[in-house]
Each structure stands twice: as structure tokens, then as C-alpha cells.
Amino acid sequence: MVIAGAVGSVIEYFDFGVYGYVATILAVHFFAAGDPIAALLSTLATFAVAFVLRPVGALLFGHYGDRFGRKNALAATVILMAAASGLIGILPSYAAIGLGATVLLVLARCLQGLAAGGELGGAASFVAEQSPNHRRGLFTSTTQMGALGGSLIASLTVLILNLTLGAETMQDWGWRIPFLMAIPIGLFGLWIRSGLEESEEFEKARAAAAELKKKQQPIRTLFTRYPVKLLQVVALSVLLFSAYYIAYVYVNIHMQTALEFSADFAYLSTTLTLLVSVILMPYFGYLSDKIGRKPVFVVASIAGIVLAVPAFMLFEFGGPVAVISHIILGLVDSALMGVALSTYAEMFPTPVRYTGIAFGFSVGAALAGGTSPYIATWLVDATGNLLAPAFFLMGTGVITLIAAFMLKETRGIELQDVA
């Protein structure tokens, strides 16, 4: 159950992570030569495109998953994500076919966005519905571990390729290797998920609907009966996503461009941050089972607001100080990710759970996830203030903190009692 839930997140965030970690290389290969900052911003804008499509994917896969089952929907997201990532690995460059290369890159990112939109909501619903009430936080946190695990594998892969191939070979063709790796990983994920059985909670809900001869309409039901909960999920997700893409993607770029640290140092710092965050994430899920979802959300949000500026100030010192600051920033997101999915699963009833988690989470991702590296890079370039990304992080933290204070505690409830 844990592996099946996490494997899709591994693939999704491996692919998204690789794109962010080789963004400076993609800027050279897929956009017109000239201003390097403009090319990098174009690359990051293409990174953000996938997040615009995530809510669409959430509705498509969520509707299918809530009506016909989690299993097939989850298999489809893995196939689509792996195919789109493999496509990036074989794309011709701008130098070869001009603007067509840029268009194809954007198309591949759109397909990734559709798949990502349907992935996490389905995995979270599946794992939550199979978990015991008193351990739901712990078990659902493993799905998010897959997300950080995917980014960790991506960071390690790029780091190893940089060290073994060298900067010139990596710039030439080595960057294609991690994208092509998504294909065998995707096939493994498909094999794992093909053996799944539907959750008992879903089967009960489907049987009840059939007995009443009631056609399920998850999208309509979600927007008419649960708009407030949907907005809560969006608000609770914005700091999670801004912290994720600032800590695990943008800081890598920031260290190389704004602070002029070596690529090897930036990748090493990111890898260590991801490693610590992955290891501690189940603890935050376990902690939410013990003290509640709300306290973890509130404390993590306050930490994100308070620590953002000091962390970016300490980055400038370089060396161990910068790495430790990076790790502390990453732990804010680790805590949020550890508690988020169990909280969201306990907010929606089974007939709309997949769609509700997927859509709310994806809107949060579109607003504060994919845009974060772009906004942070633009803010530094426009203002010359290296602390500017921290203020963006603080802004999203305030939104999540307000939503956390308004959150109803749901630790340990029976999912069938959710109305």
C-alpha cells in the first residue's frame, strides 16, 4: 500500500525536480541566445506552465477516480507522467529546429501538469482509506515522502552526473539522461499499481450509490457542497508549495546565480536538505496522530514566517552555515507535507475525496508552487535584494497560518463519518 501510494509521487517530483535542477542548461538549449537571465526566466515560466494545467488534470482524474475507482486513475497518471518526461529527454534543441523546440518543451510540460494534477489526490485517498484511524497521519505522510524522495533522487542524479561527466558534457547531452530515466521508473510504477485492489471505503461508497440508483457527480457535488473546505485546502497548501519550490528548487538556482557558489556546492546542499527532510517527514505525520493536525500546521506556518529572512541572510555566508540554513528551511516544508494529506483526506467524504484533495492541492500548487522559482528569480533581478524571495515565502506563510487557525481538528476520526 505504501509503495503503491508513494511511487507516483516519486516519479512526479523526480521529473519536476530534474527540470528545476537543470533549468540553467535548458535555458541554453530551448530558448534564443542573448540575455541569460531572460532565458532562465523563460525556462522557469515553462516550469510554471505545468502547474497551470494541474487543476485541469485534478478534475479529469479526480472525476474518474471518484466515480470508477482509484486504481485505474492512478495507473494512468504514472503512464502519462513517464511518457511526458521521456519526451523532454529526446527533444531537439532550439539550435536545431528553432521555436519548435520551445513549443515541444511547453507541450511536454503541459502533459506533465495534467498527470501531476491527478496523482497526489488519488494516492492520498487510496492510502488514507486503507489506513487505521490512529495511524493515518503516519501512513499518508509516506505518500509525501515519495514527493521528497523523487526530488532527492533527482538532486542526487544531477549531482552524480555533474561529478562524473563534467560540466561541458552535462551541458552538451548529459542533461537528457535523468529525463530518460523516468521511463523505466514509470514502468515499475505501473507494475506496482496494476496489482492494487480498490479501497474498502470506495467500494462501500460505490455500493451505496448503486443501491440508491444515484449517479455520482463528484465535480458538481464538490463545488456546490464543499466550497469552503476546498478554499481551506488551497490556503493550507500555498506555504507548503512555496516552501517546497523555494527550499528544494529555487535555493539551488539562487546559490549558483545570485551568490555565485559552485554548482557542486548547490547540488550538495540541496541533496542534504532533501535527505534530512525525507527522514523526518514520517515523524511529523506521526506527531499529527499524537497531538493533532492543527498544532502541526500552526507551528510549521509560524516557523516559515519567522525563519525565512534569517535563512536567506545566512545563505550568503556559504559553507556549513548555508547548508544548515538550507536544511532548516526545508524542515518547515517537511512538517507541512507530513501533516497535509491526512488532514485533507479527513475533510472530504469518500464520493468526492479524490477530486477534493486533487483540485484544492493543485490550485495551491498553481498559485504558489510552479510560480515560486520564477517570482523569486524575478524579484532578485528586479530589486537587487537577495532577501526578496524570503518576503514572498512570508506572504504565503501568513495565508496558511490564517487557514490553520480556522482548521477543525480531525485527528483519529472515522472516514465514513465525514459529511
Protein backbone atom coordinates (compact mmCIF):
# COMPACT_ATOMS: atom_id res chain seq x y z
CA MET A 1 0.00 0.00 0.00
CA VAL A 2 2.76 2.42 0.98
CA ILE A 3 4.88 1.70 -2.10
CA ALA A 4 1.89 1.94 -4.44
CA GLY A 5 0.90 5.28 -2.94
CA ALA A 6 4.39 6.75 -2.98
CA VAL A 7 5.71 5.54 -6.36
CA GLY A 8 3.69 8.02 -8.42
CA SER A 9 4.87 10.89 -6.25
CA VAL A 10 8.46 9.71 -6.69
CA ILE A 11 8.08 9.88 -10.47
CA GLU A 12 6.25 13.21 -10.45
CA TYR A 13 8.71 15.03 -8.23
CA PHE A 14 11.74 13.35 -9.78
CA ASP A 15 10.67 14.78 -13.13
CA PHE A 16 9.75 18.20 -11.75
CA GLY A 17 12.95 18.27 -9.68
CA VAL A 18 15.20 17.40 -12.60
CA TYR A 19 13.66 20.21 -14.65
CA GLY A 20 14.40 22.71 -11.88
CA TYR A 21 17.92 21.44 -11.25
CA VAL A 22 18.95 21.66 -14.92
CA ALA A 23 16.98 24.87 -15.58
CA THR A 24 20.13 26.83 -16.37
CA ILE A 25 21.09 24.22 -19.00
CA LEU A 26 17.58 24.06 -20.50
CA ALA A 27 17.65 27.85 -20.84
CA VAL A 28 20.56 27.48 -23.27
CA HIS A 29 19.08 24.61 -25.30
CA PHE A 30 15.44 25.66 -25.70
CA PHE A 31 15.40 29.45 -25.82
CA ALA A 32 17.02 32.05 -28.04
CA ALA A 33 20.55 33.12 -27.15
CA GLY A 34 21.00 36.57 -25.66
CA ASP A 35 20.24 37.69 -22.13
CA PRO A 36 20.93 34.67 -19.84
CA ILE A 37 18.55 35.95 -17.13
CA ALA A 38 15.76 36.35 -19.70
CA ALA A 39 16.39 32.80 -20.94
CA LEU A 40 16.35 31.48 -17.37
CA LEU A 41 13.09 33.31 -16.65
CA SER A 42 11.61 31.79 -19.81
CA THR A 43 12.69 28.33 -18.64
CA LEU A 44 11.11 28.91 -15.23
CA ALA A 45 7.93 30.23 -16.86
CA THR A 46 7.75 26.96 -18.80
CA PHE A 47 8.28 25.19 -15.47
CA ALA A 48 5.24 27.07 -14.15
CA VAL A 49 3.09 26.13 -17.16
CA ALA A 50 2.69 22.59 -15.83
CA PHE A 51 1.16 23.96 -12.65
CA VAL A 52 -1.50 25.86 -14.59
CA LEU A 53 -2.64 22.53 -16.06
CA ARG A 54 -2.61 20.73 -12.70
CA PRO A 55 -6.15 21.80 -11.67
CA VAL A 56 -7.45 20.57 -15.05
CA GLY A 57 -5.76 17.21 -14.51
CA ALA A 58 -7.15 17.14 -10.97
CA LEU A 59 -10.72 17.47 -12.24
CA LEU A 60 -10.25 14.93 -15.04
CA PHE A 61 -8.55 12.22 -13.00
CA GLY A 62 -10.44 13.11 -9.82
CA HIS A 63 -13.81 12.72 -11.53
CA TYR A 64 -12.79 9.38 -12.96
CA GLY A 65 -11.24 8.19 -9.70
CA ASP A 66 -14.26 9.13 -7.58
CA ARG A 67 -16.72 7.54 -9.99
CA PHE A 68 -14.92 4.45 -11.23
CA GLY A 69 -12.09 3.79 -8.79
CA ARG A 70 -8.67 4.93 -7.66
CA LYS A 71 -6.73 2.07 -9.25
CA ASN A 72 -7.06 2.83 -12.98
CA ALA A 73 -6.78 6.58 -12.46
CA LEU A 74 -3.51 6.14 -10.58
CA ALA A 75 -2.13 3.83 -13.28
CA ALA A 76 -2.95 6.41 -15.96
CA THR A 77 -1.18 9.25 -14.14
CA VAL A 78 2.03 7.21 -13.90
CA ILE A 79 2.00 6.38 -17.62
CA LEU A 80 1.35 9.96 -18.70
CA MET A 81 4.00 11.45 -16.42
CA ALA A 82 6.70 8.99 -17.51
CA ALA A 83 5.88 9.48 -21.21
CA ALA A 84 5.97 13.28 -20.97
CA SER A 85 9.31 13.25 -19.14
CA GLY A 86 10.83 10.80 -21.61
CA LEU A 87 9.72 13.16 -24.39
CA ILE A 88 11.78 16.01 -22.90
CA GLY A 89 14.80 13.71 -22.94
CA ILE A 90 14.67 13.29 -26.73
CA LEU A 91 13.60 16.79 -27.80
CA PRO A 92 15.74 18.58 -30.42
CA SER A 93 17.26 21.86 -29.26
CA TYR A 94 16.47 25.46 -30.27
CA ALA A 95 19.64 25.48 -32.35
CA ALA A 96 18.29 22.52 -34.37
CA ILE A 97 14.66 23.48 -35.06
CA GLY A 98 14.22 26.95 -33.60
CA LEU A 99 10.95 27.90 -31.93
CA GLY A 100 9.59 24.38 -32.49
CA ALA A 101 11.87 23.14 -29.69
CA THR A 102 10.36 25.64 -27.27
CA VAL A 103 6.82 24.66 -28.28
CA LEU A 104 7.54 20.96 -27.80
CA LEU A 105 9.05 21.63 -24.37
CA VAL A 106 5.94 23.55 -23.33
CA LEU A 107 3.73 20.73 -24.65
CA ALA A 108 5.65 18.12 -22.64
CA ARG A 109 5.34 20.27 -19.52
CA CYS A 110 1.58 20.56 -20.10
CA LEU A 111 1.27 16.77 -20.21
CA GLN A 112 3.31 16.54 -17.01
CA GLY A 113 0.97 19.05 -15.39
CA LEU A 114 -2.15 17.06 -16.31
CA ALA A 115 -0.64 13.89 -14.84
CA ALA A 116 0.59 15.63 -11.69
CA GLY A 117 -2.84 17.13 -11.07
CA GLY A 118 -4.39 13.69 -10.78
CA GLU A 119 -1.58 11.91 -8.98
CA LEU A 120 -1.39 13.04 -5.38
CA GLY A 121 -5.13 13.30 -4.72
CA GLY A 122 -5.63 9.73 -5.82
CA ALA A 123 -2.64 8.40 -3.92
CA ALA A 124 -3.66 10.28 -0.77
CA SER A 125 -7.25 8.99 -0.99
CA PHE A 126 -6.09 5.42 -1.57
CA VAL A 127 -3.62 5.36 1.34
CA ALA A 128 -5.89 7.27 3.75
CA GLU A 129 -8.80 4.92 3.06
CA GLN A 130 -6.61 1.89 3.78
CA SER A 131 -5.01 3.28 6.97
CA PRO A 132 -6.12 2.74 10.58
CA ASN A 133 -7.61 5.88 12.12
CA HIS A 134 -4.89 6.28 14.75
CA ARG A 135 -2.05 5.98 12.21
CA ARG A 136 -3.49 7.83 9.22
CA GLY A 137 -1.08 10.75 9.61
CA LEU A 138 1.92 8.43 9.63
CA PHE A 139 0.84 6.34 6.65
CA THR A 140 -0.30 9.21 4.43
CA SER A 141 2.95 11.03 5.14
CA THR A 142 4.72 8.26 3.23
CA THR A 143 2.98 9.42 0.05
CA GLN A 144 4.55 12.81 0.54
CA MET A 145 7.83 11.08 1.32
CA GLY A 146 7.63 9.88 -2.26
CA ALA A 147 7.48 13.50 -3.36
CA LEU A 148 10.61 14.48 -1.46
CA GLY A 149 12.18 11.14 -2.32
CA GLY A 150 11.69 11.88 -6.00
CA SER A 151 13.32 15.28 -5.61
CA LEU A 152 16.15 13.70 -3.62
CA ILE A 153 16.78 11.12 -6.35
CA ALA A 154 16.69 13.94 -8.92
CA SER A 155 19.20 16.00 -6.96
CA LEU A 156 21.49 13.01 -6.44
CA THR A 157 21.25 12.09 -10.12
CA VAL A 158 22.17 15.57 -11.31
CA LEU A 159 24.95 15.83 -8.72
CA ILE A 160 26.46 12.47 -9.76
CA LEU A 161 26.18 13.32 -13.45
CA ASN A 162 27.90 16.66 -12.86
CA LEU A 163 30.73 14.98 -10.98
CA THR A 164 31.23 12.09 -13.42
CA LEU A 165 30.52 13.68 -16.79
CA GLY A 166 31.83 17.15 -16.11
CA ALA A 167 30.16 20.49 -16.78
CA GLU A 168 30.83 20.51 -20.54
CA THR A 169 29.38 17.04 -21.23
CA MET A 170 26.47 17.73 -18.91
CA GLN A 171 25.75 20.93 -20.83
CA ASP A 172 26.03 19.10 -24.17
CA TRP A 173 23.93 15.93 -23.72
CA GLY A 174 24.21 14.65 -20.14
CA TRP A 175 21.14 16.63 -19.05
CA ARG A 176 18.98 14.24 -21.14
CA ILE A 177 19.84 11.19 -19.03
CA PRO A 178 17.66 11.93 -15.97
CA PHE A 179 14.60 12.66 -18.15
CA LEU A 180 15.02 9.33 -19.94
CA MET A 181 15.34 7.58 -16.57
CA ALA A 182 11.68 8.43 -15.95
CA ILE A 183 10.59 5.77 -18.47
CA PRO A 184 11.85 2.66 -16.59
CA ILE A 185 10.79 4.21 -13.27
CA GLY A 186 7.31 4.73 -14.74
CA LEU A 187 7.11 1.13 -15.93
CA PHE A 188 7.99 -0.03 -12.42
CA GLY A 189 5.25 2.19 -11.01
CA LEU A 190 2.73 0.82 -13.47
CA TRP A 191 3.66 -2.75 -12.50
CA ILE A 192 3.21 -1.94 -8.80
CA ARG A 193 -0.14 -0.25 -9.28
CA SER A 194 -1.55 -2.86 -11.66
CA GLY A 195 -1.83 -5.25 -8.69
CA LEU A 196 -3.86 -2.89 -6.49
CA GLU A 197 -7.34 -3.57 -5.20
CA GLU A 198 -9.81 -0.76 -4.62
CA SER A 199 -10.08 0.55 -1.05
CA GLU A 200 -12.92 -0.77 1.08
CA GLU A 201 -14.14 2.79 1.72
CA PHE A 202 -14.51 3.43 -2.02
CA GLU A 203 -16.31 0.13 -2.61
CA LYS A 204 -18.79 0.94 0.17
CA ALA A 205 -19.48 4.38 -1.30
CA ARG A 206 -19.93 2.94 -4.80
CA ALA A 207 -22.29 0.23 -3.49
CA ALA A 208 -24.35 2.80 -1.59
CA ALA A 209 -24.68 4.97 -4.69
CA ALA A 210 -25.69 1.94 -6.78
CA GLU A 211 -28.29 0.88 -4.23
CA LEU A 212 -29.86 4.33 -4.35
CA LYS A 213 -29.57 4.31 -8.16
CA LYS A 214 -27.77 7.60 -7.81
CA LYS A 215 -25.32 8.72 -10.46
CA GLN A 216 -22.20 10.12 -8.82
CA GLN A 217 -21.26 13.66 -9.86
CA PRO A 218 -18.10 14.41 -7.86
CA ILE A 219 -17.23 17.73 -9.53
CA ARG A 220 -20.71 19.20 -9.15
CA THR A 221 -21.05 17.91 -5.58
CA LEU A 222 -17.63 19.26 -4.62
CA PHE A 223 -18.31 22.80 -5.80
CA THR A 224 -21.88 23.03 -4.52
CA ARG A 225 -21.48 21.37 -1.11
CA TYR A 226 -17.83 21.81 -0.13
CA PRO A 227 -16.59 25.18 -1.45
CA VAL A 228 -15.36 26.34 1.97
CA LYS A 229 -13.34 23.18 2.56
CA LEU A 230 -11.94 23.48 -0.94
CA LEU A 231 -10.75 27.02 -0.22
CA GLN A 232 -9.23 25.79 3.04
CA VAL A 233 -7.19 23.18 1.20
CA VAL A 234 -5.94 25.83 -1.24
CA ALA A 235 -4.95 28.18 1.60
CA LEU A 236 -3.30 25.42 3.61
CA SER A 237 -1.31 24.40 0.52
CA VAL A 238 0.20 27.71 -0.56
CA LEU A 239 3.01 27.79 2.05
CA LEU A 240 3.63 24.07 1.51
CA PHE A 241 4.23 24.65 -2.19
CA SER A 242 6.11 27.95 -1.95
CA ALA A 243 8.39 26.46 0.73
CA TYR A 244 8.87 23.30 -1.35
CA TYR A 245 9.93 25.05 -4.53
CA ILE A 246 11.90 27.77 -2.74
CA ALA A 247 13.80 25.32 -0.50
CA TYR A 248 14.31 22.42 -2.88
CA VAL A 249 14.43 24.11 -6.31
CA TYR A 250 14.99 27.87 -6.15
CA VAL A 251 17.72 27.95 -3.48
CA ASN A 252 19.80 25.73 -5.78
CA ILE A 253 19.44 28.34 -8.54
CA HIS A 254 19.96 31.21 -6.06
CA MET A 255 23.25 29.76 -4.85
CA GLN A 256 24.57 29.43 -8.39
CA THR A 257 23.32 32.70 -9.92
CA ALA A 258 22.86 35.30 -7.16
CA LEU A 259 25.56 34.05 -4.74
CA GLU A 260 27.89 32.59 -7.42
CA PHE A 261 28.55 29.37 -5.50
CA SER A 262 29.69 26.34 -7.48
CA ALA A 263 27.06 24.03 -8.97
CA ASP A 264 28.51 21.12 -6.98
CA PHE A 265 28.02 23.01 -3.69
CA ALA A 266 24.45 23.98 -4.61
CA TYR A 267 23.52 20.41 -5.54
CA LEU A 268 25.18 19.02 -2.39
CA SER A 269 23.32 21.47 -0.15
CA THR A 270 20.01 20.64 -1.84
CA THR A 271 20.65 16.90 -1.59
CA LEU A 272 21.45 17.07 2.14
CA THR A 273 18.36 19.22 2.76
CA LEU A 274 16.14 16.74 0.93
CA LEU A 275 17.71 13.80 2.77
CA VAL A 276 17.03 15.25 6.22
CA SER A 277 13.51 16.31 5.20
CA VAL A 278 12.65 12.84 3.87
CA ILE A 279 13.92 11.12 7.00
CA LEU A 280 11.97 13.37 9.36
CA MET A 281 8.71 13.62 7.41
CA PRO A 282 7.14 10.43 8.89
CA TYR A 283 7.84 11.87 12.33
CA PHE A 284 5.68 14.90 11.52
CA GLY A 285 2.91 12.59 10.30
CA TYR A 286 3.26 10.53 13.49
CA LEU A 287 3.27 13.72 15.57
CA SER A 288 -0.02 14.80 13.99
CA ASP A 289 -1.52 11.45 15.05
CA LYS A 290 -0.45 12.21 18.63
CA ILE A 291 -1.14 15.93 19.13
CA GLY A 292 -3.44 16.74 16.19
CA ARG A 293 -3.29 18.10 12.66
CA LYS A 294 -3.96 21.71 13.64
CA PRO A 295 -1.00 22.24 16.02
CA VAL A 296 1.48 20.92 13.44
CA PHE A 297 0.06 23.21 10.75
CA VAL A 298 0.12 26.25 13.04
CA VAL A 299 3.68 25.77 14.35
CA ALA A 300 5.08 24.99 10.87
CA SER A 301 3.41 28.09 9.43
CA ILE A 302 4.82 30.33 12.17
CA ALA A 303 8.27 28.79 11.61
CA GLY A 304 8.04 29.52 7.88
CA ILE A 305 7.20 33.18 8.55
CA VAL A 306 9.84 33.70 11.25
CA LEU A 307 12.75 31.79 9.69
CA ALA A 308 12.50 32.90 6.04
CA VAL A 309 14.59 36.09 6.26
CA PRO A 310 17.28 34.72 8.65
CA ALA A 311 17.74 31.68 6.39
CA PHE A 312 18.35 33.81 3.28
CA MET A 313 20.69 36.10 5.21
CA LEU A 314 22.77 33.13 6.36
CA PHE A 315 22.99 31.68 2.83
CA GLU A 316 25.46 34.44 1.99
CA PHE A 317 27.99 33.04 4.49
CA GLY A 318 28.37 29.90 2.38
CA GLY A 319 29.87 26.63 3.66
CA PRO A 320 28.26 24.73 6.56
CA VAL A 321 26.26 27.80 7.69
CA ALA A 322 24.48 27.97 4.34
CA VAL A 323 23.80 24.22 4.32
CA ILE A 324 22.36 24.25 7.86
CA SER A 325 20.14 27.22 6.99
CA HIS A 326 19.01 25.37 3.88
CA ILE A 327 18.12 22.29 5.96
CA ILE A 328 16.13 24.35 8.49
CA LEU A 329 14.14 25.95 5.67
CA GLY A 330 13.47 22.50 4.22
CA LEU A 331 12.17 21.19 7.54
CA VAL A 332 9.37 23.76 7.51
CA ASP A 333 8.09 22.19 4.33
CA SER A 334 8.73 18.67 5.61
CA ALA A 335 6.40 19.33 8.56
CA LEU A 336 3.67 20.71 6.31
CA MET A 337 3.95 17.81 3.89
CA GLY A 338 3.90 15.32 6.74
CA VAL A 339 0.52 16.51 8.01
CA ALA A 340 -1.21 17.80 4.86
CA LEU A 341 -2.64 14.71 3.16
CA SER A 342 -4.17 13.13 6.25
CA THR A 343 -5.80 16.49 7.01
CA TYR A 344 -7.22 16.84 3.51
CA ALA A 345 -8.46 13.24 3.42
CA GLU A 346 -10.38 13.86 6.64
CA MET A 347 -12.07 16.96 5.21
CA PHE A 348 -13.96 15.30 2.32
CA PRO A 349 -16.34 12.30 2.18
CA THR A 350 -15.41 9.30 0.02
CA PRO A 351 -17.53 10.20 -3.08
CA VAL A 352 -15.57 13.47 -3.59
CA ARG A 353 -12.34 12.80 -1.68
CA TYR A 354 -10.10 12.22 -4.72
CA THR A 355 -11.43 15.27 -6.58
CA GLY A 356 -11.42 17.49 -3.50
CA ILE A 357 -7.83 16.74 -2.48
CA ALA A 358 -6.54 16.80 -6.06
CA PHE A 359 -8.21 20.07 -7.10
CA GLY A 360 -7.55 22.04 -3.90
CA PHE A 361 -3.95 20.85 -3.77
CA SER A 362 -3.43 21.61 -7.47
CA VAL A 363 -4.82 25.14 -7.21
CA GLY A 364 -2.46 25.77 -4.31
CA ALA A 365 0.35 24.39 -6.48
CA ALA A 366 -0.61 26.64 -9.40
CA LEU A 367 -0.76 29.75 -7.21
CA ALA A 368 2.38 29.27 -5.15
CA GLY A 369 4.28 26.23 -6.42
CA GLY A 370 5.42 26.44 -10.01
CA THR A 371 5.44 30.23 -9.87
CA SER A 372 7.81 30.36 -6.87
CA PRO A 373 11.16 29.89 -8.71
CA TYR A 374 10.05 32.40 -11.37
CA ILE A 375 8.85 35.01 -8.86
CA ALA A 376 11.92 34.58 -6.67
CA THR A 377 14.33 34.92 -9.63
CA TRP A 378 12.42 37.93 -10.96
CA LEU A 379 12.32 39.65 -7.54
CA VAL A 380 16.08 39.33 -7.07
CA ASP A 381 16.76 40.57 -10.61
CA ALA A 382 14.28 43.46 -10.37
CA THR A 383 15.14 44.69 -6.88
CA GLY A 384 18.73 43.56 -6.42
CA ASN A 385 17.68 42.43 -2.94
CA LEU A 386 18.86 38.90 -2.20
CA LEU A 387 16.28 38.64 0.61
CA ALA A 388 13.31 39.28 -1.69
CA PRO A 389 12.36 35.55 -2.03
CA ALA A 390 12.06 35.36 1.77
CA PHE A 391 9.35 38.02 1.76
CA PHE A 392 7.38 36.04 -0.81
CA LEU A 393 7.70 33.00 1.44
CA MET A 394 6.46 35.01 4.42
CA GLY A 395 3.41 36.19 2.48
CA THR A 396 2.30 32.66 1.68
CA GLY A 397 3.03 31.73 5.30
CA VAL A 398 0.54 34.30 6.57
CA ILE A 399 -2.19 32.84 4.31
CA THR A 400 -1.57 29.30 5.54
CA LEU A 401 -1.38 30.40 9.17
CA ILE A 402 -4.81 32.05 8.98
CA ALA A 403 -6.27 28.90 7.39
CA ALA A 404 -4.57 26.74 10.04
CA PHE A 405 -6.14 28.74 12.89
CA MET A 406 -9.57 28.17 11.28
CA LEU A 407 -8.98 24.44 10.78
CA LYS A 408 -11.25 21.99 12.59
CA GLU A 409 -9.32 19.21 14.33
CA THR A 410 -10.00 15.81 12.68
CA ARG A 411 -7.29 13.55 14.14
CA GLY A 412 -8.50 9.95 14.55
CA ILE A 413 -11.97 10.31 13.03
CA GLU A 414 -13.72 7.59 11.04
CA LEU A 415 -13.63 8.49 7.34
CA GLN A 416 -17.18 7.23 6.83
CA ASP A 417 -18.33 9.85 9.39
CA VAL A 418 -17.06 12.74 7.24
CA ALA A 419 -20.04 14.66 5.87
